[in-house]
Amino acid sequence: MTKTTIPYATDDVSALARHLSKALAARDELPGHVEMLNILAQATGARNFQHFRAQAVAATRLAEAPVPEPGIDHVLVDRVLGHFDDQGRLIRWPTRPGHQDLALWPIWGAIPPGQNFTEIEISRLIQALHLFGDPAILRRSMVAAGLLSRTLDCRDYRRIEQQPKPNGLALIRALSSRARAG
């Protein structure tokens, strides 16, 4: 079995030392190998070593820096990336609300900023960005998520300008890289 090297880094060595000190002081005996891996992983904010390793593997697969960037859940981004084809079109609407919210960011990014659209125009634009034939669910979800605004009579739509959340930005970058490679 080949061993994979997983980079280990922390932004705050003092916080790492405090976490290790507390974890070791709470024990009657020294932890075993697996327990120590979990303690080290938890000191970086991961739930356990499996989560820490999954973050590193997903970051590598997404062609991100080997050390996961703060605020990005690479495992989540990698899972949602699986809902898109090589051209960046959404293949299917994810079942989990957190995946749905994240999947909306690349669609938001493809909507031209500073323009008003009728319902038909925005639906046509969204239709070209997905493959499951339901622009209405995407349009409504984008309004609910605060990515699109619409008038009360639903005749006028406009992209709401904002900085994408870290996971959204990571997904947009991953889709761009995939499109350039393909």
C-alpha atoms as a PDB file:
ATOM      1  CA  MET A   1       0.000   0.000   0.000  1.00  0.00           C
ATOM      2  CA  THR A   2       1.418   3.386  -1.025  1.00  0.00           C
ATOM      3  CA  LYS A   3       1.424   6.079   1.629  1.00  0.00           C
ATOM      4  CA  THR A   4       0.130   9.473   0.609  1.00  0.00           C
ATOM      5  CA  THR A   5       1.725  12.517   2.165  1.00  0.00           C
ATOM      6  CA  ILE A   6      -0.821  14.942   3.575  1.00  0.00           C
ATOM      7  CA  PRO A   7       0.451  18.461   4.326  1.00  0.00           C
ATOM      8  CA  TYR A   8      -0.167  19.717   7.849  1.00  0.00           C
ATOM      9  CA  ALA A   9      -0.325  23.438   8.523  1.00  0.00           C
ATOM     10  CA  THR A  10      -1.886  25.765  11.043  1.00  0.00           C
ATOM     11  CA  ASP A  11      -2.510  29.503  11.037  1.00  0.00           C
ATOM     12  CA  ASP A  12      -1.983  29.800  14.801  1.00  0.00           C
ATOM     13  CA  VAL A  13       0.698  27.702  16.473  1.00  0.00           C
ATOM     14  CA  SER A  14      -0.378  28.992  19.882  1.00  0.00           C
ATOM     15  CA  ALA A  15      -3.936  27.720  19.369  1.00  0.00           C
ATOM     16  CA  LEU A  16      -2.537  24.393  18.168  1.00  0.00           C
ATOM     17  CA  ALA A  17      -0.395  24.076  21.309  1.00  0.00           C
ATOM     18  CA  ARG A  18      -3.372  24.952  23.561  1.00  0.00           C
ATOM     19  CA  HIS A  19      -5.563  22.350  21.830  1.00  0.00           C
ATOM     20  CA  LEU A  20      -2.903  19.643  22.105  1.00  0.00           C
ATOM     21  CA  SER A  21      -2.231  20.521  25.749  1.00  0.00           C
ATOM     22  CA  LYS A  22      -5.937  20.318  26.670  1.00  0.00           C
ATOM     23  CA  ALA A  23      -6.478  17.096  24.722  1.00  0.00           C
ATOM     24  CA  LEU A  24      -3.502  15.386  26.334  1.00  0.00           C
ATOM     25  CA  ALA A  25      -4.251  16.706  29.851  1.00  0.00           C
ATOM     26  CA  ALA A  26      -7.787  15.287  29.685  1.00  0.00           C
ATOM     27  CA  ARG A  27      -6.408  11.780  29.245  1.00  0.00           C
ATOM     28  CA  ASP A  28      -5.188   9.335  31.862  1.00  0.00           C
ATOM     29  CA  GLU A  29      -2.709   7.764  29.441  1.00  0.00           C
ATOM     30  CA  LEU A  30      -0.995   8.719  26.220  1.00  0.00           C
ATOM     31  CA  PRO A  31      -3.175   8.403  23.120  1.00  0.00           C
ATOM     32  CA  GLY A  32      -2.596   5.719  20.553  1.00  0.00           C
ATOM     33  CA  HIS A  33      -1.606   6.396  16.954  1.00  0.00           C
ATOM     34  CA  VAL A  34      -5.138   6.860  15.570  1.00  0.00           C
ATOM     35  CA  GLU A  35      -6.240   8.929  18.575  1.00  0.00           C
ATOM     36  CA  MET A  36      -3.223  11.211  18.086  1.00  0.00           C
ATOM     37  CA  LEU A  37      -4.081  11.643  14.398  1.00  0.00           C
ATOM     38  CA  ASN A  38      -7.613  12.680  15.404  1.00  0.00           C
ATOM     39  CA  ILE A  39      -6.292  15.135  18.010  1.00  0.00           C
ATOM     40  CA  LEU A  40      -3.924  16.714  15.469  1.00  0.00           C
ATOM     41  CA  ALA A  41      -6.679  16.903  12.855  1.00  0.00           C
ATOM     42  CA  GLN A  42      -9.128  18.483  15.323  1.00  0.00           C
ATOM     43  CA  ALA A  43      -6.518  21.102  16.198  1.00  0.00           C
ATOM     44  CA  THR A  44      -6.794  22.369  12.609  1.00  0.00           C
ATOM     45  CA  GLY A  45     -10.609  22.536  12.722  1.00  0.00           C
ATOM     46  CA  ALA A  46     -11.358  19.169  11.088  1.00  0.00           C
ATOM     47  CA  ARG A  47     -13.885  16.843  12.752  1.00  0.00           C
ATOM     48  CA  ASN A  48     -11.438  13.928  12.748  1.00  0.00           C
ATOM     49  CA  PHE A  49      -8.524  12.552  10.738  1.00  0.00           C
ATOM     50  CA  GLN A  50     -10.782  11.110   8.013  1.00  0.00           C
ATOM     51  CA  HIS A  51     -12.290  14.567   7.478  1.00  0.00           C
ATOM     52  CA  PHE A  52      -8.800  16.125   7.451  1.00  0.00           C
ATOM     53  CA  ARG A  53      -7.601  13.594   4.846  1.00  0.00           C
ATOM     54  CA  ALA A  54     -10.755  14.001   2.725  1.00  0.00           C
ATOM     55  CA  GLN A  55     -10.198  17.789   2.685  1.00  0.00           C
ATOM     56  CA  ALA A  56      -6.621  17.316   1.457  1.00  0.00           C
ATOM     57  CA  VAL A  57      -7.627  14.775  -1.221  1.00  0.00           C
ATOM     58  CA  ALA A  58     -10.482  16.982  -2.462  1.00  0.00           C
ATOM     59  CA  ALA A  59      -8.211  20.043  -2.532  1.00  0.00           C
ATOM     60  CA  THR A  60      -5.696  18.165  -4.656  1.00  0.00           C
ATOM     61  CA  ARG A  61      -8.401  16.876  -6.989  1.00  0.00           C
ATOM     62  CA  LEU A  62      -9.795  20.387  -7.404  1.00  0.00           C
ATOM     63  CA  ALA A  63      -6.294  21.598  -8.334  1.00  0.00           C
ATOM     64  CA  GLU A  64      -6.288  23.932  -5.333  1.00  0.00           C
ATOM     65  CA  ALA A  65      -3.294  24.501  -3.098  1.00  0.00           C
ATOM     66  CA  PRO A  66      -2.348  21.286  -1.250  1.00  0.00           C
ATOM     67  CA  VAL A  67      -3.071  23.046   2.043  1.00  0.00           C
ATOM     68  CA  PRO A  68      -6.813  23.779   2.138  1.00  0.00           C
ATOM     69  CA  GLU A  69      -7.670  27.466   2.063  1.00  0.00           C
ATOM     70  CA  PRO A  70      -9.496  28.787   5.132  1.00  0.00           C
ATOM     71  CA  GLY A  71     -13.250  28.941   4.709  1.00  0.00           C
ATOM     72  CA  ILE A  72     -13.447  26.454   1.818  1.00  0.00           C
ATOM     73  CA  ASP A  73     -14.985  23.041   2.323  1.00  0.00           C
ATOM     74  CA  HIS A  74     -13.208  21.199  -0.490  1.00  0.00           C
ATOM     75  CA  VAL A  75     -15.192  18.013   0.084  1.00  0.00           C
ATOM     76  CA  LEU A  76     -18.470  19.899  -0.378  1.00  0.00           C
ATOM     77  CA  VAL A  77     -17.164  21.708  -3.477  1.00  0.00           C
ATOM     78  CA  ASP A  78     -15.975  18.395  -4.948  1.00  0.00           C
ATOM     79  CA  ARG A  79     -19.383  16.766  -4.333  1.00  0.00           C
ATOM     80  CA  VAL A  80     -21.292  19.644  -5.926  1.00  0.00           C
ATOM     81  CA  LEU A  81     -18.833  19.699  -8.842  1.00  0.00           C
ATOM     82  CA  GLY A  82     -20.142  16.217  -9.685  1.00  0.00           C
ATOM     83  CA  HIS A  83     -23.522  17.782 -10.527  1.00  0.00           C
ATOM     84  CA  PHE A  84     -21.972  19.678 -13.475  1.00  0.00           C
ATOM     85  CA  ASP A  85     -20.849  18.437 -16.898  1.00  0.00           C
ATOM     86  CA  ASP A  86     -17.562  19.339 -18.622  1.00  0.00           C
ATOM     87  CA  GLN A  87     -19.132  22.461 -20.161  1.00  0.00           C
ATOM     88  CA  GLY A  88     -20.161  23.742 -16.722  1.00  0.00           C
ATOM     89  CA  ARG A  89     -23.866  22.974 -17.130  1.00  0.00           C
ATOM     90  CA  LEU A  90     -25.831  21.713 -14.137  1.00  0.00           C
ATOM     91  CA  ILE A  91     -26.777  18.097 -14.922  1.00  0.00           C
ATOM     92  CA  ARG A  92     -29.239  17.563 -12.069  1.00  0.00           C
ATOM     93  CA  TRP A  93     -30.663  19.583  -9.206  1.00  0.00           C
ATOM     94  CA  PRO A  94     -28.963  18.418  -5.969  1.00  0.00           C
ATOM     95  CA  THR A  95     -31.257  17.029  -3.282  1.00  0.00           C
ATOM     96  CA  ARG A  96     -29.465  18.618  -0.318  1.00  0.00           C
ATOM     97  CA  PRO A  97     -30.241  22.304   0.332  1.00  0.00           C
ATOM     98  CA  GLY A  98     -26.578  23.116   1.045  1.00  0.00           C
ATOM     99  CA  HIS A  99     -25.572  21.570  -2.277  1.00  0.00           C
ATOM    100  CA  GLN A 100     -28.394  23.437  -4.039  1.00  0.00           C
ATOM    101  CA  ASP A 101     -27.249  26.800  -2.663  1.00  0.00           C
ATOM    102  CA  LEU A 102     -23.680  26.144  -3.749  1.00  0.00           C
ATOM    103  CA  ALA A 103     -24.745  24.957  -7.230  1.00  0.00           C
ATOM    104  CA  LEU A 104     -26.425  28.330  -7.846  1.00  0.00           C
ATOM    105  CA  TRP A 105     -23.158  30.324  -7.745  1.00  0.00           C
ATOM    106  CA  PRO A 106     -21.833  29.285 -11.188  1.00  0.00           C
ATOM    107  CA  ILE A 107     -25.235  30.074 -12.709  1.00  0.00           C
ATOM    108  CA  TRP A 108     -25.222  33.463 -10.969  1.00  0.00           C
ATOM    109  CA  GLY A 109     -21.715  34.050 -12.360  1.00  0.00           C
ATOM    110  CA  ALA A 110     -22.933  33.434 -15.923  1.00  0.00           C
ATOM    111  CA  ILE A 111     -25.699  36.052 -15.703  1.00  0.00           C
ATOM    112  CA  PRO A 112     -24.492  39.388 -17.115  1.00  0.00           C
ATOM    113  CA  PRO A 113     -24.240  42.034 -14.368  1.00  0.00           C
ATOM    114  CA  GLY A 114     -26.079  45.344 -14.460  1.00  0.00           C
ATOM    115  CA  GLN A 115     -28.825  44.223 -16.838  1.00  0.00           C
ATOM    116  CA  ASN A 116     -32.541  43.787 -16.400  1.00  0.00           C
ATOM    117  CA  PHE A 117     -34.207  40.684 -17.825  1.00  0.00           C
ATOM    118  CA  THR A 118     -37.810  39.717 -18.421  1.00  0.00           C
ATOM    119  CA  GLU A 119     -38.942  36.358 -17.031  1.00  0.00           C
ATOM    120  CA  ILE A 120     -38.639  34.828 -20.495  1.00  0.00           C
ATOM    121  CA  GLU A 121     -35.127  36.221 -21.029  1.00  0.00           C
ATOM    122  CA  ILE A 122     -33.795  35.068 -17.654  1.00  0.00           C
ATOM    123  CA  SER A 123     -35.414  31.642 -18.151  1.00  0.00           C
ATOM    124  CA  ARG A 124     -33.760  31.316 -21.582  1.00  0.00           C
ATOM    125  CA  LEU A 125     -30.387  32.242 -20.095  1.00  0.00           C
ATOM    126  CA  ILE A 126     -30.790  29.772 -17.208  1.00  0.00           C
ATOM    127  CA  GLN A 127     -32.052  27.077 -19.619  1.00  0.00           C
ATOM    128  CA  ALA A 128     -28.689  27.173 -21.430  1.00  0.00           C
ATOM    129  CA  LEU A 129     -26.865  26.628 -18.110  1.00  0.00           C
ATOM    130  CA  HIS A 130     -28.552  23.389 -17.043  1.00  0.00           C
ATOM    131  CA  LEU A 131     -29.685  20.084 -18.531  1.00  0.00           C
ATOM    132  CA  PHE A 132     -32.678  18.990 -16.445  1.00  0.00           C
ATOM    133  CA  GLY A 133     -35.229  21.337 -18.023  1.00  0.00           C
ATOM    134  CA  ASP A 134     -36.533  23.295 -15.032  1.00  0.00           C
ATOM    135  CA  PRO A 135     -35.385  26.926 -15.189  1.00  0.00           C
ATOM    136  CA  ALA A 136     -38.208  27.936 -12.842  1.00  0.00           C
ATOM    137  CA  ILE A 137     -36.738  26.072  -9.843  1.00  0.00           C
ATOM    138  CA  LEU A 138     -33.337  27.650 -10.491  1.00  0.00           C
ATOM    139  CA  ARG A 139     -34.836  31.118 -10.979  1.00  0.00           C
ATOM    140  CA  ARG A 140     -36.903  30.868  -7.771  1.00  0.00           C
ATOM    141  CA  SER A 141     -34.007  29.422  -5.798  1.00  0.00           C
ATOM    142  CA  MET A 142     -31.709  32.229  -6.926  1.00  0.00           C
ATOM    143  CA  VAL A 143     -34.260  34.814  -5.779  1.00  0.00           C
ATOM    144  CA  ALA A 144     -34.669  33.029  -2.426  1.00  0.00           C
ATOM    145  CA  ALA A 145     -30.870  32.840  -1.993  1.00  0.00           C
ATOM    146  CA  GLY A 146     -30.473  36.566  -2.664  1.00  0.00           C
ATOM    147  CA  LEU A 147     -28.617  36.091  -5.961  1.00  0.00           C
ATOM    148  CA  LEU A 148     -31.381  37.544  -8.160  1.00  0.00           C
ATOM    149  CA  SER A 149     -33.941  40.237  -7.485  1.00  0.00           C
ATOM    150  CA  ARG A 150     -37.336  40.443  -9.123  1.00  0.00           C
ATOM    151  CA  THR A 151     -40.207  42.878  -9.091  1.00  0.00           C
ATOM    152  CA  LEU A 152     -43.402  41.962  -7.257  1.00  0.00           C
ATOM    153  CA  ASP A 153     -45.129  41.167 -10.553  1.00  0.00           C
ATOM    154  CA  CYS A 154     -42.174  38.867 -11.527  1.00  0.00           C
ATOM    155  CA  ARG A 155     -41.679  40.716 -14.818  1.00  0.00           C
ATOM    156  CA  ASP A 156     -38.222  42.130 -14.180  1.00  0.00           C
ATOM    157  CA  TYR A 157     -35.146  40.208 -12.945  1.00  0.00           C
ATOM    158  CA  ARG A 158     -31.668  41.484 -12.112  1.00  0.00           C
ATOM    159  CA  ARG A 159     -28.493  39.856 -10.790  1.00  0.00           C
ATOM    160  CA  ILE A 160     -27.627  41.068  -7.284  1.00  0.00           C
ATOM    161  CA  GLU A 161     -23.967  42.085  -7.266  1.00  0.00           C
ATOM    162  CA  GLN A 162     -21.956  40.559  -4.428  1.00  0.00           C
ATOM    163  CA  GLN A 163     -18.745  38.723  -3.656  1.00  0.00           C
ATOM    164  CA  PRO A 164     -19.321  34.962  -3.968  1.00  0.00           C
ATOM    165  CA  LYS A 165     -18.884  32.988  -0.759  1.00  0.00           C
ATOM    166  CA  PRO A 166     -15.579  31.060  -0.527  1.00  0.00           C
ATOM    167  CA  ASN A 167     -17.163  27.712  -1.502  1.00  0.00           C
ATOM    168  CA  GLY A 168     -19.034  29.367  -4.380  1.00  0.00           C
ATOM    169  CA  LEU A 169     -15.859  30.990  -5.654  1.00  0.00           C
ATOM    170  CA  ALA A 170     -13.982  27.673  -5.389  1.00  0.00           C
ATOM    171  CA  LEU A 171     -16.740  25.939  -7.403  1.00  0.00           C
ATOM    172  CA  ILE A 172     -16.689  28.654 -10.078  1.00  0.00           C
ATOM    173  CA  ARG A 173     -12.887  28.330 -10.340  1.00  0.00           C
ATOM    174  CA  ALA A 174     -13.056  24.522 -10.528  1.00  0.00           C
ATOM    175  CA  LEU A 175     -15.639  24.682 -13.328  1.00  0.00           C
ATOM    176  CA  SER A 176     -13.510  27.253 -15.211  1.00  0.00           C
ATOM    177  CA  SER A 177     -10.438  25.024 -14.889  1.00  0.00           C
ATOM    178  CA  ARG A 178     -12.433  22.023 -16.077  1.00  0.00           C
ATOM    179  CA  ALA A 179     -13.737  23.937 -19.119  1.00  0.00           C
ATOM    180  CA  ARG A 180     -10.229  25.134 -20.058  1.00  0.00           C
ATOM    181  CA  ALA A 181      -8.809  21.607 -19.720  1.00  0.00           C
ATOM    182  CA  GLY A 182     -11.608  20.019 -21.753  1.00  0.00           C
END
